[in-house]
Amino acid sequence: MRMLTTLLLMLCLAACSAHESTRIYVFDNGKISGLDPALFNFSADELAEVDFVNSSYLIVHPDGTLMFDAGAVPDEAFEGHEGPVVEGIMSATQALAPQLASAGYAPEDIDFFAMSHYHSDHTANANLFAGSTWIVQQAERDFMFAADPQGIVNTGTYSELRDAATIILDDEDYDVFGDGSVVLLSTPGHTPGHQLLVVNLENAGWIVLAGDLYHYPEERGTGRVPTFEFDADQSRVSRERVEQFITDNDATLWIEHDIPTHAALPKAPNFVD
């Protein structure tokens, strides 16, 4: 059995290395149920879906790998546990690391790690990637490691990043692999240093991994933002910038919590390229 497992992993790695174009693996990190739409300045009858999915992504580029966001339920919660794991309004049916393995990677294989922001539904497995180079906005990092950060935060899930190799950005964009195809865009507002990721794929074109720039598709074009934004006016400016990017590049927007968007996407070990 061990020899068979090793052989399958070698075949998977060989297939991955043979695939030279950039690709995105999508991981299922569960869902959030029982939300109050009023938190987002909506009523339930204005939304096609009220609940959320949680998602994270692995970008595999010819020159390296980038993990974007880290899920809502930590993998250790699955240890010795059968069936779904429920933590308050968040739940998940599978851990992140096995999904990563299905794509042929382990956490220690990941070159770069970035999160859209510090909210706990995006940071659950951040410590798995403390051996990667963490890319973060200065304002976000300052908040995360403040003496007593308040809000939707679980400092224990990312504590090991404090000592990680780090690229610190000052409200700026970052071209991860230097060829313009995988770029973090600074989009503050939801949190002090919120950022999203744009990826140019050979077949799918530009994809915008939006983090929490939006939570619902219905937010687009309404001017309405969540009641708990760090800076609502900044959020609106960031949205305008990203909408212009989408228009200029005929890009596709993936809202990270949107159920219909992610229901239509292939999950690892399949990918989008």
Protein backbone atom coordinates (compact mmCIF):
# COMPACT_ATOMS: atom_id res chain seq x y z
CA MET A 1 0.00 0.00 0.00
CA ARG A 2 2.82 2.40 0.90
CA MET A 3 4.57 1.69 -2.42
CA LEU A 4 1.30 2.29 -4.31
CA THR A 5 0.73 5.58 -2.50
CA THR A 6 4.28 6.69 -3.28
CA LEU A 7 3.85 5.74 -6.94
CA LEU A 8 0.57 7.66 -7.22
CA LEU A 9 2.18 10.73 -5.65
CA MET A 10 5.13 10.51 -8.08
CA LEU A 11 2.75 10.24 -11.04
CA CYS A 12 0.76 13.23 -9.78
CA LEU A 13 3.90 15.31 -9.33
CA ALA A 14 5.11 14.36 -12.78
CA ALA A 15 1.78 15.41 -14.29
CA CYS A 16 1.88 18.69 -12.39
CA SER A 17 5.42 19.46 -13.53
CA ALA A 18 4.49 18.65 -17.13
CA HIS A 19 1.67 21.20 -17.03
CA GLU A 20 3.50 24.44 -17.73
CA SER A 21 0.68 26.98 -17.72
CA THR A 22 -0.59 28.70 -14.56
CA ARG A 23 -3.55 27.02 -12.87
CA ILE A 24 -5.83 27.53 -9.86
CA TYR A 25 -6.92 24.74 -7.52
CA VAL A 26 -10.09 25.48 -5.55
CA PHE A 27 -10.51 24.02 -2.06
CA ASP A 28 -13.81 23.50 -0.25
CA ASN A 29 -13.51 24.92 3.27
CA GLY A 30 -17.13 24.46 4.32
CA LYS A 31 -19.86 26.99 4.89
CA ILE A 32 -21.27 29.67 7.16
CA SER A 33 -24.96 29.36 8.00
CA GLY A 34 -27.49 31.47 9.86
CA LEU A 35 -26.16 34.87 8.85
CA ASP A 36 -28.21 38.00 9.37
CA PRO A 37 -28.35 39.87 6.03
CA ALA A 38 -28.79 43.12 7.95
CA LEU A 39 -25.07 42.89 8.80
CA PHE A 40 -24.50 43.54 5.11
CA ASN A 41 -27.23 46.16 4.74
CA PHE A 42 -29.56 43.78 2.92
CA SER A 43 -32.79 41.96 3.66
CA ALA A 44 -33.13 38.25 2.97
CA ASP A 45 -35.60 38.77 0.13
CA GLU A 46 -33.01 40.88 -1.71
CA LEU A 47 -30.50 38.02 -1.86
CA ALA A 48 -30.47 34.87 -3.96
CA GLU A 49 -28.46 33.14 -1.21
CA VAL A 50 -28.02 34.25 2.40
CA ASP A 51 -25.49 31.68 3.58
CA PHE A 52 -21.82 31.53 2.58
CA VAL A 53 -19.33 28.98 1.37
CA ASN A 54 -15.73 29.21 2.54
CA SER A 55 -13.02 28.74 -0.05
CA SER A 56 -9.27 28.91 -0.48
CA TYR A 57 -7.02 28.60 -3.50
CA LEU A 58 -3.67 27.29 -4.64
CA ILE A 59 -2.07 29.04 -7.60
CA VAL A 60 0.56 26.95 -9.37
CA HIS A 61 2.79 29.02 -11.65
CA PRO A 62 5.75 27.71 -13.72
CA ASP A 63 8.02 29.55 -11.26
CA GLY A 64 6.38 28.54 -7.97
CA THR A 65 3.29 28.20 -5.83
CA LEU A 66 1.07 30.61 -3.90
CA MET A 67 -1.60 29.68 -1.36
CA PHE A 68 -4.35 32.29 -1.01
CA ASP A 69 -6.42 32.20 2.20
CA ALA A 70 -6.57 29.29 4.63
CA GLY A 71 -10.15 28.28 5.39
CA ALA A 72 -12.47 28.70 8.35
CA VAL A 73 -12.08 25.45 10.35
CA PRO A 74 -8.58 24.33 11.40
CA ASP A 75 -7.43 20.91 10.26
CA GLU A 76 -6.72 19.82 13.84
CA ALA A 77 -10.46 19.98 14.53
CA PHE A 78 -10.85 16.91 12.28
CA GLU A 79 -8.38 14.78 14.23
CA GLY A 80 -10.17 11.89 15.92
CA HIS A 81 -13.48 13.20 14.64
CA GLU A 82 -15.93 11.56 12.26
CA GLY A 83 -18.31 13.55 10.12
CA PRO A 84 -18.64 17.32 9.69
CA VAL A 85 -16.96 19.68 12.12
CA VAL A 86 -19.15 22.49 13.43
CA GLU A 87 -17.73 25.57 15.12
CA GLY A 88 -20.54 28.02 15.82
CA ILE A 89 -22.01 29.19 12.51
CA MET A 90 -19.07 27.68 10.58
CA SER A 91 -18.83 24.07 9.49
CA ALA A 92 -16.72 21.94 7.20
CA THR A 93 -16.80 18.38 5.92
CA GLN A 94 -13.11 18.03 5.01
CA ALA A 95 -9.74 19.32 6.13
CA LEU A 96 -7.53 21.50 3.93
CA ALA A 97 -4.26 19.53 3.90
CA PRO A 98 -5.74 16.38 2.28
CA GLN A 99 -7.25 18.54 -0.46
CA LEU A 100 -3.86 20.14 -1.01
CA ALA A 101 -2.35 16.64 -1.17
CA SER A 102 -4.88 15.61 -3.81
CA ALA A 103 -3.31 18.29 -6.04
CA GLY A 104 0.15 16.87 -5.32
CA TYR A 105 1.33 19.38 -2.71
CA ALA A 106 2.03 19.55 1.01
CA PRO A 107 2.14 22.80 3.03
CA GLU A 108 5.94 22.71 3.03
CA ASP A 109 5.90 22.75 -0.80
CA ILE A 110 4.23 26.17 -0.93
CA ASP A 111 6.57 29.04 -1.82
CA PHE A 112 4.30 31.99 -1.00
CA PHE A 113 1.32 32.46 1.28
CA ALA A 114 -1.09 35.39 1.31
CA MET A 115 -4.45 36.06 2.90
CA SER A 116 -7.10 38.47 1.75
CA HIS A 117 -7.45 39.65 5.36
CA TYR A 118 -7.29 38.63 9.01
CA HIS A 119 -10.93 37.61 9.67
CA SER A 120 -11.04 34.17 11.24
CA ASP A 121 -13.02 32.54 8.42
CA HIS A 122 -9.94 33.07 6.21
CA THR A 123 -7.09 32.25 8.64
CA ALA A 124 -7.92 28.86 10.20
CA ASN A 125 -4.94 27.00 8.72
CA ALA A 126 -2.53 29.90 8.30
CA ASN A 127 0.02 28.31 10.65
CA LEU A 128 0.39 25.41 8.21
CA PHE A 129 2.12 27.84 5.85
CA ALA A 130 4.52 29.49 8.30
CA GLY A 131 7.37 27.90 6.34
CA SER A 132 6.33 29.80 3.21
CA THR A 133 7.09 33.45 2.47
CA TRP A 134 4.13 35.43 3.78
CA ILE A 135 3.01 38.44 1.70
CA VAL A 136 1.02 40.95 3.75
CA GLN A 137 0.16 44.63 3.86
CA GLN A 138 1.85 46.53 6.71
CA ALA A 139 -1.48 47.85 8.06
CA GLU A 140 -2.90 44.33 8.19
CA ARG A 141 0.12 42.84 9.92
CA ASP A 142 0.17 45.67 12.47
CA PHE A 143 -3.45 44.93 13.39
CA MET A 144 -2.97 41.16 13.51
CA PHE A 145 -0.13 41.42 16.01
CA ALA A 146 -1.45 44.33 18.04
CA ALA A 147 -1.61 43.81 21.80
CA ASP A 148 -5.37 43.19 21.82
CA PRO A 149 -6.91 43.01 18.33
CA GLN A 150 -10.70 43.23 18.33
CA GLY A 151 -13.32 41.97 15.92
CA ILE A 152 -13.64 38.80 13.84
CA VAL A 153 -10.22 37.47 14.73
CA ASN A 154 -8.61 34.31 16.13
CA THR A 155 -4.97 35.14 16.72
CA GLY A 156 -4.00 31.55 17.51
CA THR A 157 -4.69 30.45 13.94
CA TYR A 158 -1.94 32.66 12.52
CA SER A 159 0.43 33.15 15.46
CA GLU A 160 3.31 31.30 13.76
CA LEU A 161 3.35 33.80 10.91
CA ARG A 162 4.99 36.32 13.24
CA ASP A 163 8.35 34.60 12.65
CA ALA A 164 7.78 33.61 9.02
CA ALA A 165 9.85 34.99 6.16
CA THR A 166 7.73 37.99 5.15
CA ILE A 167 7.28 40.44 2.30
CA ILE A 168 5.63 43.51 3.83
CA LEU A 169 3.76 45.86 1.51
CA ASP A 170 2.83 49.49 2.16
CA ASP A 171 -0.66 49.78 0.62
CA GLU A 172 0.79 48.56 -2.65
CA ASP A 173 0.35 45.87 -5.27
CA TYR A 174 2.77 42.97 -5.64
CA ASP A 175 3.67 40.97 -8.73
CA VAL A 176 4.31 37.58 -7.12
CA PHE A 177 6.29 35.86 -9.89
CA GLY A 178 7.50 38.93 -11.75
CA ASP A 179 5.70 38.38 -15.05
CA GLY A 180 2.42 40.20 -14.33
CA SER A 181 0.28 37.06 -14.32
CA VAL A 182 -0.26 36.67 -10.53
CA VAL A 183 -0.67 39.99 -8.74
CA LEU A 184 -1.88 40.95 -5.28
CA LEU A 185 -3.91 44.17 -5.41
CA SER A 186 -4.15 46.39 -2.35
CA THR A 187 -7.87 46.90 -1.65
CA PRO A 188 -8.19 48.34 1.87
CA GLY A 189 -11.54 49.06 3.49
CA HIS A 190 -13.01 45.79 4.70
CA THR A 191 -9.93 45.60 6.93
CA PRO A 192 -6.96 47.99 7.12
CA GLY A 193 -4.86 45.95 4.70
CA HIS A 194 -7.35 43.86 2.73
CA GLN A 195 -5.92 42.58 -0.55
CA LEU A 196 -7.17 40.43 -3.38
CA LEU A 197 -5.49 38.36 -6.06
CA VAL A 198 -5.74 38.60 -9.84
CA VAL A 199 -4.51 35.69 -11.96
CA ASN A 200 -4.15 35.51 -15.73
CA LEU A 201 -4.84 32.00 -17.03
CA GLU A 202 -4.12 30.70 -20.52
CA ASN A 203 -7.66 29.45 -21.18
CA ALA A 204 -9.89 31.19 -18.61
CA GLY A 205 -8.30 34.63 -18.89
CA TRP A 206 -8.15 36.98 -15.91
CA ILE A 207 -9.66 35.70 -12.67
CA VAL A 208 -10.23 38.01 -9.70
CA LEU A 209 -10.08 36.18 -6.35
CA ALA A 210 -11.95 38.86 -4.45
CA GLY A 211 -11.55 37.91 -0.80
CA ASP A 212 -14.20 39.93 1.02
CA LEU A 213 -14.25 42.91 -1.31
CA TYR A 214 -17.79 41.61 -1.82
CA HIS A 215 -19.73 38.98 0.09
CA TYR A 216 -22.79 38.81 -2.18
CA PRO A 217 -23.10 39.46 -5.92
CA GLU A 218 -25.97 41.81 -5.07
CA GLU A 219 -23.50 44.23 -3.48
CA ARG A 220 -22.06 45.12 -6.87
CA GLY A 221 -23.31 48.46 -8.11
CA THR A 222 -25.43 49.20 -5.02
CA GLY A 223 -22.93 51.16 -2.94
CA ARG A 224 -23.96 49.09 0.06
CA VAL A 225 -21.18 47.68 2.23
CA PRO A 226 -21.23 45.59 5.42
CA THR A 227 -21.94 47.34 8.70
CA PHE A 228 -18.61 46.15 10.11
CA GLU A 229 -16.21 47.59 7.51
CA PHE A 230 -13.01 49.10 8.86
CA ASP A 231 -13.50 52.03 6.47
CA ALA A 232 -16.63 51.99 4.29
CA ASP A 233 -15.47 54.85 2.07
CA GLN A 234 -12.18 53.07 1.42
CA SER A 235 -14.11 49.93 0.52
CA ARG A 236 -16.08 51.82 -2.11
CA VAL A 237 -12.90 53.23 -3.62
CA SER A 238 -11.34 49.75 -3.71
CA ARG A 239 -14.46 48.37 -5.37
CA GLU A 240 -14.35 51.06 -8.06
CA ARG A 241 -10.75 50.21 -8.79
CA VAL A 242 -11.45 46.50 -9.11
CA GLU A 243 -14.56 46.98 -11.22
CA GLN A 244 -12.43 49.05 -13.61
CA PHE A 245 -9.86 46.25 -13.72
CA ILE A 246 -12.63 43.76 -14.53
CA THR A 247 -13.92 45.97 -17.34
CA ASP A 248 -10.50 46.73 -18.79
CA ASN A 249 -9.37 43.08 -18.75
CA ASP A 250 -12.67 41.25 -19.38
CA ALA A 251 -11.98 39.52 -16.08
CA THR A 252 -14.14 37.02 -14.20
CA LEU A 253 -14.94 37.81 -10.55
CA TRP A 254 -14.95 34.99 -8.00
CA ILE A 255 -16.62 36.23 -4.81
CA GLU A 256 -15.05 33.99 -2.20
CA HIS A 257 -18.21 33.37 -0.17
CA ASP A 258 -20.64 33.09 -3.09
CA ILE A 259 -22.41 29.71 -3.26
CA PRO A 260 -23.36 29.68 -7.00
CA THR A 261 -19.89 30.78 -8.11
CA HIS A 262 -18.12 27.97 -6.28
CA ALA A 263 -20.74 25.33 -7.04
CA ALA A 264 -19.81 25.75 -10.70
CA LEU A 265 -16.04 25.52 -10.18
CA PRO A 266 -14.05 22.26 -10.33
CA LYS A 267 -12.52 21.29 -7.00
CA ALA A 268 -9.07 19.81 -6.40
CA PRO A 269 -7.56 17.66 -7.77
CA ASN A 270 -9.15 19.28 -10.82
CA PHE A 271 -8.21 22.86 -11.63
CA VAL A 272 -8.95 25.94 -13.72
CA ASP A 273 -6.33 27.04 -16.24
